């Protein structure tokens, strides 16, 4: 049976509001001057298990890797305390 689409053509879908759990992964390499620089932009991961697994794999190729999670309500700009899931090597101050 046919159902109408969730949005009207030409309109953006409504953004979800409420708390979510952000799981983030970053890797760092040393630049020519010895300073740590991001190897790539921070990646949002689908779950903690995959974040830890990917971080362990990346730790073989980068000078530093970190994965963390935090509760957040992005629509309100609210972010909870970070919980470190995995860390290896050198990580700059991320605050």
N, C-alpha and C. Protein backbone atom coordinates (compact mmCIF):
# COMPACT_ATOMS: atom_id res chain seq x y z
N UNK A 1 0.84 -1.18 0.00
CA UNK A 1 0.00 0.00 0.00
C UNK A 1 0.88 1.24 0.00
N UNK A 2 0.55 2.22 -0.82
CA UNK A 2 1.32 3.44 -0.94
C UNK A 2 1.10 4.33 0.26
N UNK A 3 2.22 4.93 0.77
CA UNK A 3 2.12 5.90 1.86
C UNK A 3 2.76 7.19 1.40
N UNK A 4 2.23 8.29 1.86
CA UNK A 4 2.81 9.58 1.49
C UNK A 4 4.17 9.73 2.13
N UNK A 5 5.08 10.45 1.48
CA UNK A 5 6.41 10.65 2.06
C UNK A 5 6.33 11.42 3.38
N UNK A 6 7.39 11.24 4.19
CA UNK A 6 7.43 11.89 5.51
C UNK A 6 7.56 13.40 5.40
N UNK A 7 8.07 13.88 4.28
CA UNK A 7 8.21 15.32 4.09
C UNK A 7 7.56 15.73 2.78
N UNK A 8 7.24 16.98 2.67
CA UNK A 8 6.70 17.53 1.44
C UNK A 8 7.88 17.85 0.53
N UNK A 9 7.78 17.56 -0.76
CA UNK A 9 8.90 17.88 -1.66
C UNK A 9 9.33 19.34 -1.50
N UNK A 10 10.64 19.54 -1.45
CA UNK A 10 11.17 20.89 -1.30
C UNK A 10 11.35 21.33 0.13
N UNK A 11 10.95 20.50 1.09
CA UNK A 11 11.12 20.84 2.49
C UNK A 11 12.09 19.87 3.14
N UNK A 12 12.91 20.40 4.04
CA UNK A 12 13.84 19.56 4.77
C UNK A 12 13.10 18.79 5.86
N UNK A 13 13.53 17.56 6.15
CA UNK A 13 12.90 16.85 7.26
C UNK A 13 13.20 17.54 8.58
N UNK A 14 12.32 17.36 9.54
CA UNK A 14 12.54 17.96 10.85
C UNK A 14 13.73 17.29 11.51
N UNK A 15 14.56 18.12 12.16
CA UNK A 15 15.69 17.56 12.88
C UNK A 15 15.22 16.91 14.16
N UNK A 16 15.85 15.79 14.48
CA UNK A 16 15.52 15.11 15.72
C UNK A 16 16.09 15.91 16.88
N UNK A 17 15.33 15.98 17.93
CA UNK A 17 15.80 16.67 19.12
C UNK A 17 15.91 15.66 20.24
N UNK A 18 16.57 16.07 21.29
CA UNK A 18 16.74 15.19 22.42
C UNK A 18 18.17 14.73 22.54
N UNK A 19 18.42 13.97 23.58
CA UNK A 19 19.78 13.52 23.87
C UNK A 19 20.19 12.37 22.95
N UNK A 20 21.45 12.41 22.58
CA UNK A 20 22.06 11.35 21.80
C UNK A 20 23.41 11.05 22.41
N UNK A 21 23.98 9.92 22.08
CA UNK A 21 25.32 9.58 22.54
C UNK A 21 26.25 9.76 21.35
N UNK A 22 27.17 10.71 21.46
CA UNK A 22 28.17 10.94 20.42
C UNK A 22 29.37 10.05 20.71
N UNK A 23 29.86 9.37 19.69
CA UNK A 23 31.05 8.54 19.80
C UNK A 23 32.00 9.03 18.72
N UNK A 24 33.17 9.49 19.14
CA UNK A 24 34.08 10.20 18.24
C UNK A 24 35.46 9.55 18.24
N UNK A 25 36.10 9.58 17.08
CA UNK A 25 37.43 9.02 16.89
C UNK A 25 38.31 10.06 16.21
N UNK A 26 39.54 10.23 16.72
CA UNK A 26 40.52 11.13 16.10
C UNK A 26 41.88 10.47 16.11
N UNK A 27 42.69 10.79 15.11
CA UNK A 27 44.07 10.32 15.05
C UNK A 27 44.96 11.52 14.78
N UNK A 28 46.21 11.44 15.24
CA UNK A 28 47.16 12.54 15.10
C UNK A 28 48.50 12.02 14.59
N UNK A 29 49.16 12.87 13.83
CA UNK A 29 50.52 12.61 13.35
C UNK A 29 51.36 13.83 13.68
N UNK A 30 52.67 13.62 13.74
CA UNK A 30 53.57 14.74 13.97
C UNK A 30 53.88 15.40 12.63
N UNK A 31 53.78 16.72 12.62
CA UNK A 31 54.13 17.48 11.43
C UNK A 31 55.64 17.62 11.33
N UNK A 32 56.11 18.32 10.31
CA UNK A 32 57.55 18.52 10.10
C UNK A 32 58.20 19.22 11.28
N UNK A 33 57.44 20.06 11.97
CA UNK A 33 57.98 20.79 13.12
C UNK A 33 57.86 19.99 14.43
N UNK A 34 57.33 18.77 14.36
CA UNK A 34 57.19 17.94 15.55
C UNK A 34 55.89 18.13 16.30
N UNK A 35 55.08 19.09 15.88
CA UNK A 35 53.79 19.34 16.52
C UNK A 35 52.76 18.32 16.05
N UNK A 36 51.87 17.92 16.95
CA UNK A 36 50.81 17.00 16.58
C UNK A 36 49.73 17.72 15.78
N UNK A 37 49.33 17.10 14.68
CA UNK A 37 48.26 17.65 13.84
C UNK A 37 47.27 16.53 13.56
N UNK A 38 45.99 16.87 13.41
CA UNK A 38 45.00 15.84 13.11
C UNK A 38 45.34 15.13 11.80
N UNK A 39 45.25 13.81 11.80
CA UNK A 39 45.48 13.03 10.59
C UNK A 39 44.27 13.12 9.65
N UNK A 40 43.11 13.39 10.21
CA UNK A 40 41.86 13.56 9.47
C UNK A 40 40.88 14.25 10.40
N UNK A 41 39.76 14.71 9.85
CA UNK A 41 38.74 15.34 10.68
C UNK A 41 38.14 14.32 11.63
N UNK A 42 37.70 14.77 12.79
CA UNK A 42 37.07 13.88 13.76
C UNK A 42 35.96 13.09 13.08
N UNK A 43 35.91 11.78 13.39
CA UNK A 43 34.90 10.90 12.80
C UNK A 43 33.90 10.48 13.86
N UNK A 44 32.63 10.60 13.53
CA UNK A 44 31.60 10.07 14.42
C UNK A 44 31.44 8.58 14.11
N UNK A 45 31.46 7.78 15.14
CA UNK A 45 31.39 6.32 14.99
C UNK A 45 30.00 5.82 15.38
N UNK A 46 29.57 4.69 14.81
CA UNK A 46 28.22 4.19 15.08
C UNK A 46 28.03 3.57 16.46
N UNK A 47 29.11 3.01 17.04
CA UNK A 47 29.00 2.42 18.36
C UNK A 47 30.38 2.34 19.01
N UNK A 48 30.39 2.09 20.32
CA UNK A 48 31.65 2.08 21.07
C UNK A 48 32.57 0.95 20.63
N UNK A 49 32.01 -0.22 20.37
CA UNK A 49 32.83 -1.36 19.97
C UNK A 49 33.60 -1.06 18.69
N UNK A 50 32.92 -0.50 17.70
CA UNK A 50 33.58 -0.19 16.43
C UNK A 50 34.58 0.95 16.60
N UNK A 51 34.29 1.91 17.48
CA UNK A 51 35.23 3.00 17.73
C UNK A 51 36.52 2.46 18.32
N UNK A 52 36.42 1.55 19.28
CA UNK A 52 37.62 0.99 19.92
C UNK A 52 38.40 0.13 18.92
N UNK A 53 37.70 -0.68 18.17
CA UNK A 53 38.35 -1.54 17.18
C UNK A 53 39.09 -0.71 16.12
N UNK A 54 38.44 0.31 15.60
CA UNK A 54 39.06 1.16 14.59
C UNK A 54 40.23 1.93 15.17
N UNK A 55 40.08 2.41 16.41
CA UNK A 55 41.17 3.15 17.06
C UNK A 55 42.40 2.26 17.23
N UNK A 56 42.19 1.01 17.63
CA UNK A 56 43.33 0.08 17.78
C UNK A 56 44.04 -0.14 16.45
N UNK A 57 43.26 -0.28 15.38
CA UNK A 57 43.86 -0.46 14.05
C UNK A 57 44.64 0.78 13.63
N UNK A 58 44.07 1.96 13.88
CA UNK A 58 44.73 3.21 13.48
C UNK A 58 45.98 3.48 14.32
N UNK A 59 46.02 2.95 15.54
CA UNK A 59 47.17 3.23 16.41
C UNK A 59 48.47 2.66 15.84
N UNK A 60 48.38 1.72 14.92
CA UNK A 60 49.59 1.16 14.28
C UNK A 60 50.17 2.09 13.23
N UNK A 61 49.35 3.05 12.76
CA UNK A 61 49.78 3.93 11.66
C UNK A 61 49.90 5.40 12.03
N UNK A 62 49.49 5.76 13.24
CA UNK A 62 49.49 7.17 13.63
C UNK A 62 50.21 7.35 14.97
N UNK A 63 50.67 8.57 15.21
CA UNK A 63 51.41 8.87 16.44
C UNK A 63 50.51 8.92 17.66
N UNK A 64 49.24 9.14 17.47
CA UNK A 64 48.29 9.17 18.58
C UNK A 64 46.88 8.93 18.08
N UNK A 65 46.10 8.22 18.87
CA UNK A 65 44.70 7.93 18.53
C UNK A 65 43.87 8.01 19.81
N UNK A 66 42.68 8.57 19.69
CA UNK A 66 41.78 8.62 20.83
C UNK A 66 40.35 8.41 20.34
N UNK A 67 39.58 7.69 21.14
CA UNK A 67 38.15 7.53 20.90
C UNK A 67 37.45 7.86 22.21
N UNK A 68 36.36 8.59 22.13
CA UNK A 68 35.61 8.95 23.33
C UNK A 68 34.13 9.03 23.02
N UNK A 69 33.33 9.05 24.07
CA UNK A 69 31.89 9.22 23.92
C UNK A 69 31.41 10.28 24.90
N UNK A 70 30.26 10.82 24.60
CA UNK A 70 29.63 11.79 25.50
C UNK A 70 28.16 11.92 25.14
N UNK A 71 27.35 12.15 26.15
CA UNK A 71 25.93 12.43 25.92
C UNK A 71 25.83 13.87 25.45
N UNK A 72 24.91 14.11 24.53
CA UNK A 72 24.77 15.46 23.99
C UNK A 72 23.33 15.72 23.58
N UNK A 73 22.99 16.98 23.54
CA UNK A 73 21.74 17.44 22.97
C UNK A 73 22.12 18.55 22.00
N UNK A 74 22.54 18.18 20.78
CA UNK A 74 23.06 19.16 19.83
C UNK A 74 22.10 20.30 19.50
N UNK A 75 20.82 20.01 19.49
CA UNK A 75 19.86 21.06 19.15
C UNK A 75 19.88 22.19 20.18
N UNK A 76 20.30 21.88 21.41
CA UNK A 76 20.39 22.90 22.46
C UNK A 76 21.83 23.32 22.73
N UNK A 77 22.78 22.66 22.05
CA UNK A 77 24.20 22.97 22.27
C UNK A 77 24.71 22.45 23.61
N UNK A 78 24.08 21.42 24.14
CA UNK A 78 24.50 20.86 25.42
C UNK A 78 25.33 19.60 25.20
N UNK A 79 26.48 19.54 25.86
CA UNK A 79 27.37 18.39 25.74
C UNK A 79 27.83 17.96 27.11
N UNK A 80 27.71 16.67 27.39
CA UNK A 80 28.09 16.13 28.69
C UNK A 80 29.59 15.90 28.79
N UNK A 81 29.98 15.29 29.88
CA UNK A 81 31.37 14.98 30.16
C UNK A 81 31.83 13.85 29.24
N UNK A 82 33.02 13.97 28.70
CA UNK A 82 33.57 12.94 27.82
C UNK A 82 34.04 11.73 28.61
N UNK A 83 33.79 10.54 28.06
CA UNK A 83 34.29 9.30 28.63
C UNK A 83 35.26 8.71 27.61
N UNK A 84 36.52 8.58 28.01
CA UNK A 84 37.53 8.04 27.12
C UNK A 84 37.32 6.54 26.94
N UNK A 85 37.29 6.10 25.69
CA UNK A 85 37.10 4.69 25.37
C UNK A 85 38.42 4.01 25.04
N UNK A 86 39.32 4.74 24.37
CA UNK A 86 40.62 4.20 23.97
C UNK A 86 41.57 5.36 23.74
N UNK A 87 42.83 5.17 24.15
CA UNK A 87 43.86 6.18 23.90
C UNK A 87 45.18 5.45 23.71
N UNK A 88 45.93 5.87 22.69
CA UNK A 88 47.25 5.32 22.45
C UNK A 88 48.14 6.40 21.86
N UNK A 89 49.36 6.49 22.33
CA UNK A 89 50.31 7.45 21.80
C UNK A 89 50.10 8.84 22.33
N UNK A 90 50.58 9.81 21.58
CA UNK A 90 50.52 11.21 21.97
C UNK A 90 49.24 11.87 21.47
N UNK A 91 48.56 12.55 22.39
CA UNK A 91 47.31 13.24 22.07
C UNK A 91 47.44 14.68 22.57
N UNK A 92 47.17 15.68 21.72
CA UNK A 92 47.21 17.06 22.22
C UNK A 92 46.05 17.33 23.16
N UNK A 93 46.11 18.44 23.88
CA UNK A 93 45.02 18.84 24.75
C UNK A 93 43.81 19.17 23.87
N UNK A 94 42.70 18.49 24.08
CA UNK A 94 41.52 18.65 23.24
C UNK A 94 40.47 19.56 23.84
N UNK A 95 40.72 20.15 24.98
CA UNK A 95 39.69 21.01 25.62
C UNK A 95 39.54 22.31 24.95
